[in-house]
N, C-alpha and C. Protein backbone atom coordinates (compact mmCIF):
# COMPACT_ATOMS: atom_id res chain seq x y z
N MET A 1 -8.89 -199.45 14.73
CA MET A 1 -7.65 -199.79 15.41
C MET A 1 -6.56 -198.84 14.95
N GLY A 2 -5.80 -198.32 15.85
CA GLY A 2 -4.71 -197.40 15.51
C GLY A 2 -3.49 -198.16 15.02
N VAL A 3 -2.79 -197.54 14.09
CA VAL A 3 -1.57 -198.12 13.55
C VAL A 3 -0.51 -197.04 13.59
N ALA A 4 0.66 -197.35 14.17
CA ALA A 4 1.74 -196.37 14.22
C ALA A 4 2.34 -196.24 12.83
N ILE A 5 2.55 -195.01 12.39
CA ILE A 5 3.12 -194.73 11.08
C ILE A 5 4.45 -194.02 11.28
N VAL A 6 5.46 -194.49 10.59
CA VAL A 6 6.75 -193.81 10.57
C VAL A 6 6.84 -193.11 9.23
N THR A 7 7.08 -191.81 9.25
CA THR A 7 7.08 -191.06 8.00
C THR A 7 8.38 -191.22 7.23
N GLY A 8 8.32 -190.80 5.98
CA GLY A 8 9.47 -190.93 5.10
C GLY A 8 9.53 -192.35 4.55
N GLY A 9 9.99 -192.50 3.32
CA GLY A 9 10.15 -193.82 2.72
C GLY A 9 8.86 -194.60 2.71
N ARG A 10 8.90 -195.80 3.24
CA ARG A 10 7.75 -196.71 3.23
C ARG A 10 6.55 -196.13 3.97
N GLY A 11 6.78 -195.38 5.05
CA GLY A 11 5.66 -194.81 5.80
C GLY A 11 4.82 -193.88 4.96
N ALA A 12 5.45 -193.04 4.15
CA ALA A 12 4.72 -192.12 3.28
C ALA A 12 3.94 -192.89 2.23
N VAL A 13 4.52 -193.96 1.72
CA VAL A 13 3.83 -194.80 0.73
C VAL A 13 2.62 -195.46 1.36
N GLU A 14 2.77 -195.96 2.59
CA GLU A 14 1.65 -196.59 3.28
C GLU A 14 0.53 -195.59 3.53
N LEU A 15 0.88 -194.38 3.94
CA LEU A 15 -0.15 -193.35 4.12
C LEU A 15 -0.91 -193.12 2.82
N LEU A 16 -0.18 -192.94 1.73
CA LEU A 16 -0.82 -192.71 0.45
C LEU A 16 -1.73 -193.87 0.07
N GLU A 17 -1.26 -195.08 0.23
CA GLU A 17 -2.08 -196.25 -0.12
C GLU A 17 -3.36 -196.31 0.71
N ARG A 18 -3.24 -196.04 2.00
CA ARG A 18 -4.42 -196.12 2.88
C ARG A 18 -5.42 -195.02 2.55
N VAL A 19 -4.96 -193.78 2.39
CA VAL A 19 -5.87 -192.67 2.09
C VAL A 19 -6.47 -192.86 0.70
N ARG A 20 -5.65 -193.29 -0.25
CA ARG A 20 -6.14 -193.54 -1.61
C ARG A 20 -7.28 -194.56 -1.60
N ALA A 21 -7.12 -195.65 -0.87
CA ALA A 21 -8.15 -196.69 -0.81
C ALA A 21 -9.46 -196.14 -0.24
N ILE A 22 -9.35 -195.32 0.78
CA ILE A 22 -10.55 -194.71 1.39
C ILE A 22 -11.25 -193.79 0.40
N CYS A 23 -10.49 -192.89 -0.20
CA CYS A 23 -11.09 -191.88 -1.07
C CYS A 23 -11.61 -192.44 -2.38
N LEU A 24 -10.85 -193.33 -3.01
CA LEU A 24 -11.27 -193.86 -4.31
C LEU A 24 -12.43 -194.84 -4.20
N ALA A 25 -12.79 -195.26 -2.99
CA ALA A 25 -13.96 -196.11 -2.79
C ALA A 25 -15.26 -195.30 -2.88
N LEU A 26 -15.15 -193.98 -2.89
CA LEU A 26 -16.33 -193.12 -2.93
C LEU A 26 -16.74 -192.86 -4.38
N PRO A 27 -18.03 -192.63 -4.62
CA PRO A 27 -18.53 -192.47 -5.99
C PRO A 27 -17.92 -191.28 -6.74
N GLU A 28 -17.51 -191.55 -7.98
CA GLU A 28 -17.02 -190.54 -8.93
C GLU A 28 -15.85 -189.70 -8.40
N VAL A 29 -14.95 -190.36 -7.69
CA VAL A 29 -13.76 -189.70 -7.15
C VAL A 29 -12.57 -189.99 -8.07
N THR A 30 -11.76 -188.97 -8.28
CA THR A 30 -10.51 -189.10 -9.02
C THR A 30 -9.38 -188.56 -8.15
N GLU A 31 -8.16 -188.93 -8.51
CA GLU A 31 -6.98 -188.47 -7.79
C GLU A 31 -6.00 -187.87 -8.78
N ARG A 32 -5.41 -186.76 -8.40
CA ARG A 32 -4.31 -186.19 -9.16
C ARG A 32 -3.55 -185.25 -8.23
N PRO A 33 -2.30 -184.96 -8.57
CA PRO A 33 -1.54 -184.01 -7.73
C PRO A 33 -2.11 -182.60 -7.85
N SER A 34 -2.11 -181.91 -6.76
CA SER A 34 -2.46 -180.49 -6.73
C SER A 34 -1.46 -179.82 -5.81
N HIS A 35 -0.76 -178.83 -6.33
CA HIS A 35 0.29 -178.15 -5.57
C HIS A 35 1.31 -179.15 -5.02
N GLY A 36 1.58 -180.20 -5.80
CA GLY A 36 2.60 -181.18 -5.44
C GLY A 36 2.17 -182.27 -4.48
N SER A 37 0.90 -182.32 -4.13
CA SER A 37 0.43 -183.33 -3.17
C SER A 37 -0.73 -184.13 -3.75
N PRO A 38 -0.82 -185.41 -3.38
CA PRO A 38 -1.97 -186.21 -3.83
C PRO A 38 -3.26 -185.58 -3.31
N THR A 39 -4.20 -185.42 -4.22
CA THR A 39 -5.46 -184.74 -3.89
C THR A 39 -6.61 -185.51 -4.53
N TRP A 40 -7.73 -185.57 -3.83
CA TRP A 40 -8.90 -186.29 -4.32
C TRP A 40 -10.01 -185.31 -4.62
N PHE A 41 -10.65 -185.56 -5.77
CA PHE A 41 -11.66 -184.67 -6.34
C PHE A 41 -12.96 -185.44 -6.57
N VAL A 42 -14.06 -184.74 -6.42
CA VAL A 42 -15.36 -185.26 -6.82
C VAL A 42 -15.58 -184.81 -8.26
N ARG A 43 -15.89 -185.77 -9.12
CA ARG A 43 -16.11 -185.51 -10.54
C ARG A 43 -14.96 -184.75 -11.18
N ASP A 44 -13.77 -185.02 -10.72
CA ASP A 44 -12.54 -184.46 -11.28
C ASP A 44 -12.45 -182.94 -11.19
N LYS A 45 -13.26 -182.31 -10.32
CA LYS A 45 -13.16 -180.85 -10.25
C LYS A 45 -13.21 -180.26 -8.84
N SER A 46 -13.88 -180.90 -7.90
CA SER A 46 -14.03 -180.31 -6.56
C SER A 46 -13.22 -181.09 -5.53
N VAL A 47 -12.24 -180.43 -4.94
CA VAL A 47 -11.34 -181.07 -3.96
C VAL A 47 -12.09 -181.33 -2.66
N PHE A 48 -11.83 -182.52 -2.07
CA PHE A 48 -12.37 -182.77 -0.74
C PHE A 48 -11.32 -183.25 0.25
N VAL A 49 -10.18 -183.79 -0.22
CA VAL A 49 -9.10 -184.23 0.67
C VAL A 49 -7.76 -184.03 -0.04
N THR A 50 -6.77 -183.57 0.71
CA THR A 50 -5.38 -183.50 0.23
C THR A 50 -4.48 -184.14 1.27
N LEU A 51 -3.54 -184.96 0.80
CA LEU A 51 -2.57 -185.62 1.68
C LEU A 51 -1.22 -184.93 1.55
N HIS A 52 -0.67 -184.52 2.67
CA HIS A 52 0.70 -183.98 2.73
C HIS A 52 1.53 -184.98 3.54
N ALA A 53 1.94 -186.06 2.88
CA ALA A 53 2.63 -187.17 3.57
C ALA A 53 3.97 -186.75 4.15
N ASP A 54 4.61 -185.77 3.54
CA ASP A 54 5.91 -185.29 4.03
C ASP A 54 5.81 -183.91 4.66
N GLY A 55 4.61 -183.49 5.00
CA GLY A 55 4.39 -182.17 5.59
C GLY A 55 4.17 -181.11 4.53
N HIS A 56 3.83 -179.93 5.00
CA HIS A 56 3.55 -178.81 4.10
C HIS A 56 3.75 -177.51 4.88
N HIS A 57 4.53 -176.63 4.32
CA HIS A 57 4.86 -175.34 4.95
C HIS A 57 5.35 -175.55 6.38
N GLN A 58 4.79 -174.84 7.34
CA GLN A 58 5.28 -174.92 8.72
C GLN A 58 4.89 -176.22 9.40
N ASN A 59 3.99 -176.99 8.81
CA ASN A 59 3.56 -178.26 9.39
C ASN A 59 4.38 -179.39 8.77
N ASP A 60 5.58 -179.61 9.31
CA ASP A 60 6.46 -180.60 8.70
C ASP A 60 6.27 -181.99 9.30
N PHE A 61 5.03 -182.39 9.39
CA PHE A 61 4.63 -183.73 9.81
C PHE A 61 3.57 -184.19 8.81
N PRO A 62 3.38 -185.50 8.65
CA PRO A 62 2.37 -185.97 7.70
C PRO A 62 0.97 -185.61 8.19
N HIS A 63 0.13 -185.16 7.23
CA HIS A 63 -1.21 -184.78 7.60
C HIS A 63 -2.14 -184.71 6.40
N LEU A 64 -3.44 -184.67 6.69
CA LEU A 64 -4.49 -184.48 5.69
C LEU A 64 -5.13 -183.13 5.89
N TRP A 65 -5.63 -182.58 4.80
CA TRP A 65 -6.56 -181.46 4.86
C TRP A 65 -7.87 -182.02 4.35
N CYS A 66 -8.94 -181.84 5.12
CA CYS A 66 -10.26 -182.37 4.76
C CYS A 66 -11.32 -181.29 4.85
N ALA A 67 -12.19 -181.24 3.84
CA ALA A 67 -13.38 -180.40 3.96
C ALA A 67 -14.13 -180.90 5.20
N ALA A 68 -14.82 -180.01 5.88
CA ALA A 68 -15.50 -180.42 7.11
C ALA A 68 -16.84 -179.71 7.25
N PRO A 69 -17.78 -180.36 7.92
CA PRO A 69 -19.07 -179.72 8.17
C PRO A 69 -18.89 -178.47 9.03
N THR A 70 -19.82 -177.57 8.93
CA THR A 70 -19.80 -176.34 9.72
C THR A 70 -19.62 -176.66 11.20
N GLY A 71 -18.66 -176.03 11.82
CA GLY A 71 -18.41 -176.19 13.25
C GLY A 71 -17.48 -177.33 13.60
N ALA A 72 -17.23 -178.25 12.67
CA ALA A 72 -16.39 -179.42 12.99
C ALA A 72 -14.95 -179.02 13.27
N GLN A 73 -14.42 -178.07 12.50
CA GLN A 73 -13.04 -177.64 12.72
C GLN A 73 -12.85 -177.15 14.15
N ALA A 74 -13.72 -176.27 14.60
CA ALA A 74 -13.61 -175.72 15.96
C ALA A 74 -13.77 -176.82 17.01
N GLU A 75 -14.71 -177.72 16.78
CA GLU A 75 -14.95 -178.80 17.73
C GLU A 75 -13.75 -179.74 17.82
N LEU A 76 -13.22 -180.16 16.68
CA LEU A 76 -12.10 -181.10 16.68
C LEU A 76 -10.82 -180.47 17.23
N THR A 77 -10.52 -179.23 16.83
CA THR A 77 -9.30 -178.59 17.31
C THR A 77 -9.36 -178.29 18.80
N ALA A 78 -10.55 -178.02 19.31
CA ALA A 78 -10.70 -177.79 20.75
C ALA A 78 -10.59 -179.10 21.53
N ALA A 79 -11.16 -180.16 20.99
CA ALA A 79 -11.17 -181.45 21.68
C ALA A 79 -9.79 -182.11 21.69
N ASP A 80 -9.02 -181.95 20.60
CA ASP A 80 -7.72 -182.63 20.51
C ASP A 80 -6.75 -181.80 19.67
N PRO A 81 -6.25 -180.69 20.23
CA PRO A 81 -5.36 -179.80 19.47
C PRO A 81 -4.01 -180.43 19.12
N ALA A 82 -3.66 -181.55 19.72
CA ALA A 82 -2.42 -182.22 19.37
C ALA A 82 -2.56 -182.98 18.04
N ARG A 83 -3.79 -183.30 17.65
CA ARG A 83 -4.01 -184.04 16.39
C ARG A 83 -4.69 -183.22 15.31
N PHE A 84 -5.55 -182.29 15.69
CA PHE A 84 -6.32 -181.52 14.71
C PHE A 84 -5.87 -180.07 14.71
N PHE A 85 -5.89 -179.44 13.54
CA PHE A 85 -5.46 -178.05 13.43
C PHE A 85 -6.17 -177.37 12.27
N ARG A 86 -6.08 -176.05 12.27
CA ARG A 86 -6.64 -175.26 11.18
C ARG A 86 -5.56 -175.14 10.10
N PRO A 87 -5.78 -175.74 8.93
CA PRO A 87 -4.74 -175.72 7.90
C PRO A 87 -4.68 -174.36 7.20
N PRO A 88 -3.51 -174.02 6.66
CA PRO A 88 -3.41 -172.77 5.90
C PRO A 88 -4.27 -172.85 4.63
N TYR A 89 -4.60 -171.70 4.09
CA TYR A 89 -5.37 -171.56 2.85
C TYR A 89 -6.84 -171.96 3.01
N VAL A 90 -7.11 -173.21 3.36
CA VAL A 90 -8.48 -173.71 3.38
C VAL A 90 -9.11 -173.69 4.78
N GLY A 91 -8.31 -173.41 5.79
CA GLY A 91 -8.83 -173.37 7.15
C GLY A 91 -9.90 -172.32 7.35
N GLY A 92 -9.80 -171.20 6.63
CA GLY A 92 -10.81 -170.15 6.72
C GLY A 92 -12.16 -170.57 6.18
N ARG A 93 -12.17 -171.65 5.40
CA ARG A 93 -13.43 -172.19 4.87
C ARG A 93 -13.94 -173.35 5.71
N GLY A 94 -13.32 -173.55 6.88
CA GLY A 94 -13.79 -174.58 7.80
C GLY A 94 -13.13 -175.94 7.66
N TRP A 95 -12.17 -176.06 6.73
CA TRP A 95 -11.49 -177.34 6.58
C TRP A 95 -10.69 -177.65 7.83
N VAL A 96 -10.41 -178.93 8.04
CA VAL A 96 -9.65 -179.35 9.21
C VAL A 96 -8.39 -180.09 8.76
N GLY A 97 -7.30 -179.86 9.49
CA GLY A 97 -6.08 -180.61 9.30
C GLY A 97 -6.01 -181.69 10.36
N VAL A 98 -5.54 -182.86 9.96
CA VAL A 98 -5.40 -183.96 10.91
C VAL A 98 -4.02 -184.59 10.75
N ARG A 99 -3.32 -184.68 11.86
CA ARG A 99 -1.97 -185.25 11.86
C ARG A 99 -2.04 -186.75 11.63
N LEU A 100 -1.06 -187.25 10.87
CA LEU A 100 -0.98 -188.68 10.58
C LEU A 100 0.32 -189.30 11.10
N ASP A 101 1.01 -188.58 11.98
CA ASP A 101 2.19 -189.17 12.61
C ASP A 101 1.74 -189.84 13.91
N GLY A 102 2.56 -190.70 14.41
CA GLY A 102 2.18 -191.43 15.61
C GLY A 102 1.17 -192.52 15.27
N THR A 103 0.24 -192.77 16.16
CA THR A 103 -0.78 -193.79 15.95
C THR A 103 -1.94 -193.20 15.18
N VAL A 104 -2.30 -193.85 14.08
CA VAL A 104 -3.38 -193.37 13.22
C VAL A 104 -4.60 -194.26 13.42
N ASP A 105 -5.73 -193.64 13.71
CA ASP A 105 -7.01 -194.36 13.82
C ASP A 105 -7.64 -194.34 12.43
N TRP A 106 -7.49 -195.43 11.68
CA TRP A 106 -7.94 -195.45 10.29
C TRP A 106 -9.45 -195.42 10.17
N ALA A 107 -10.17 -195.91 11.16
CA ALA A 107 -11.63 -195.79 11.12
C ALA A 107 -12.03 -194.31 11.20
N GLU A 108 -11.31 -193.55 12.03
CA GLU A 108 -11.58 -192.13 12.14
C GLU A 108 -11.20 -191.39 10.84
N ILE A 109 -10.09 -191.77 10.23
CA ILE A 109 -9.68 -191.15 8.97
C ILE A 109 -10.73 -191.44 7.89
N ASP A 110 -11.22 -192.66 7.85
CA ASP A 110 -12.28 -193.02 6.91
C ASP A 110 -13.50 -192.12 7.13
N GLU A 111 -13.89 -191.94 8.36
CA GLU A 111 -15.04 -191.10 8.69
C GLU A 111 -14.80 -189.64 8.28
N LEU A 112 -13.60 -189.12 8.55
CA LEU A 112 -13.29 -187.73 8.18
C LEU A 112 -13.32 -187.56 6.65
N CYS A 113 -12.79 -188.53 5.92
CA CYS A 113 -12.81 -188.45 4.45
C CYS A 113 -14.23 -188.54 3.91
N ARG A 114 -15.05 -189.40 4.49
CA ARG A 114 -16.45 -189.50 4.06
C ARG A 114 -17.21 -188.22 4.37
N ASP A 115 -16.95 -187.64 5.54
CA ASP A 115 -17.59 -186.36 5.88
C ASP A 115 -17.16 -185.27 4.90
N ALA A 116 -15.87 -185.28 4.54
CA ALA A 116 -15.36 -184.30 3.56
C ALA A 116 -16.07 -184.48 2.23
N TYR A 117 -16.20 -185.71 1.80
CA TYR A 117 -16.91 -186.01 0.55
C TYR A 117 -18.34 -185.49 0.61
N ARG A 118 -19.03 -185.76 1.72
CA ARG A 118 -20.42 -185.32 1.87
C ARG A 118 -20.54 -183.79 1.78
N GLU A 119 -19.50 -183.09 2.21
CA GLU A 119 -19.53 -181.62 2.15
C GLU A 119 -19.39 -181.10 0.72
N ILE A 120 -18.70 -181.83 -0.12
CA ILE A 120 -18.34 -181.34 -1.45
C ILE A 120 -19.19 -181.96 -2.56
N ALA A 121 -19.53 -183.23 -2.44
CA ALA A 121 -20.23 -183.95 -3.51
C ALA A 121 -21.68 -183.47 -3.65
N PRO A 122 -22.21 -183.56 -4.88
CA PRO A 122 -23.63 -183.26 -5.08
C PRO A 122 -24.50 -184.24 -4.29
N LYS A 123 -25.70 -183.80 -3.96
CA LYS A 123 -26.61 -184.62 -3.14
C LYS A 123 -26.87 -185.99 -3.75
N ARG A 124 -26.94 -186.06 -5.08
CA ARG A 124 -27.20 -187.34 -5.73
C ARG A 124 -26.09 -188.35 -5.43
N LEU A 125 -24.85 -187.89 -5.41
CA LEU A 125 -23.73 -188.79 -5.09
C LEU A 125 -23.69 -189.12 -3.60
N VAL A 126 -23.98 -188.15 -2.76
CA VAL A 126 -24.00 -188.39 -1.31
C VAL A 126 -25.06 -189.42 -0.99
N ALA A 127 -26.18 -189.38 -1.70
CA ALA A 127 -27.26 -190.35 -1.45
C ALA A 127 -26.80 -191.79 -1.70
N LEU A 128 -25.81 -191.97 -2.58
CA LEU A 128 -25.30 -193.31 -2.84
C LEU A 128 -24.55 -193.89 -1.63
N LEU A 129 -24.07 -193.01 -0.75
CA LEU A 129 -23.36 -193.46 0.46
C LEU A 129 -24.31 -193.90 1.56
N ASP A 130 -25.47 -193.28 1.59
CA ASP A 130 -26.40 -193.49 2.68
C ASP A 130 -27.66 -194.17 2.15
N PRO A 131 -27.76 -195.49 2.33
CA PRO A 131 -28.95 -196.18 1.84
C PRO A 131 -30.20 -195.66 2.52
N PRO A 132 -31.32 -195.67 1.80
CA PRO A 132 -32.57 -195.18 2.39
C PRO A 132 -32.93 -195.98 3.66
N ALA A 133 -33.54 -195.27 4.60
CA ALA A 133 -33.91 -195.91 5.88
C ALA A 133 -35.14 -196.77 5.71
C-alpha cells in the first residue's frame, strides 16, 4: 500500500524509521552514517542501501540508493523514469536511485532493499532469506 510522505521534519524521520526497519531485519546488517547519510552495511563493511532523506547533490528530493541486480537499473529507469534514476557515484556500478517523495509503495521498497542485500551479502547470508524449496 502506498503512503504519501511529506519531506522535512517528521517526514524525514518517518522515512528513516521505515527504511531502518526493513534493512535491520536482514541478517548481519548494521547501520551507520556514511558521507552524512544513514547507510546500511552487511557485516559492517559492505554497503547495500543509503538513504538521502533530505536529498543529495542535484537530487534535492528524498531518495534511496540501492545495489541492484545486473540490468535492473536500466529496466526500472526505462519503465518509470519519474521514480527511478541512475544515482551519482554508484550508478556506474548498476545501483538504482528511487524517489521517496509523493506516494511510497513500501512493499516495493522492501523488495528493492532485499534485492540490494542479495547483491552484496555472502551466499550463506542470502540463503537465510530464502528457505529451501
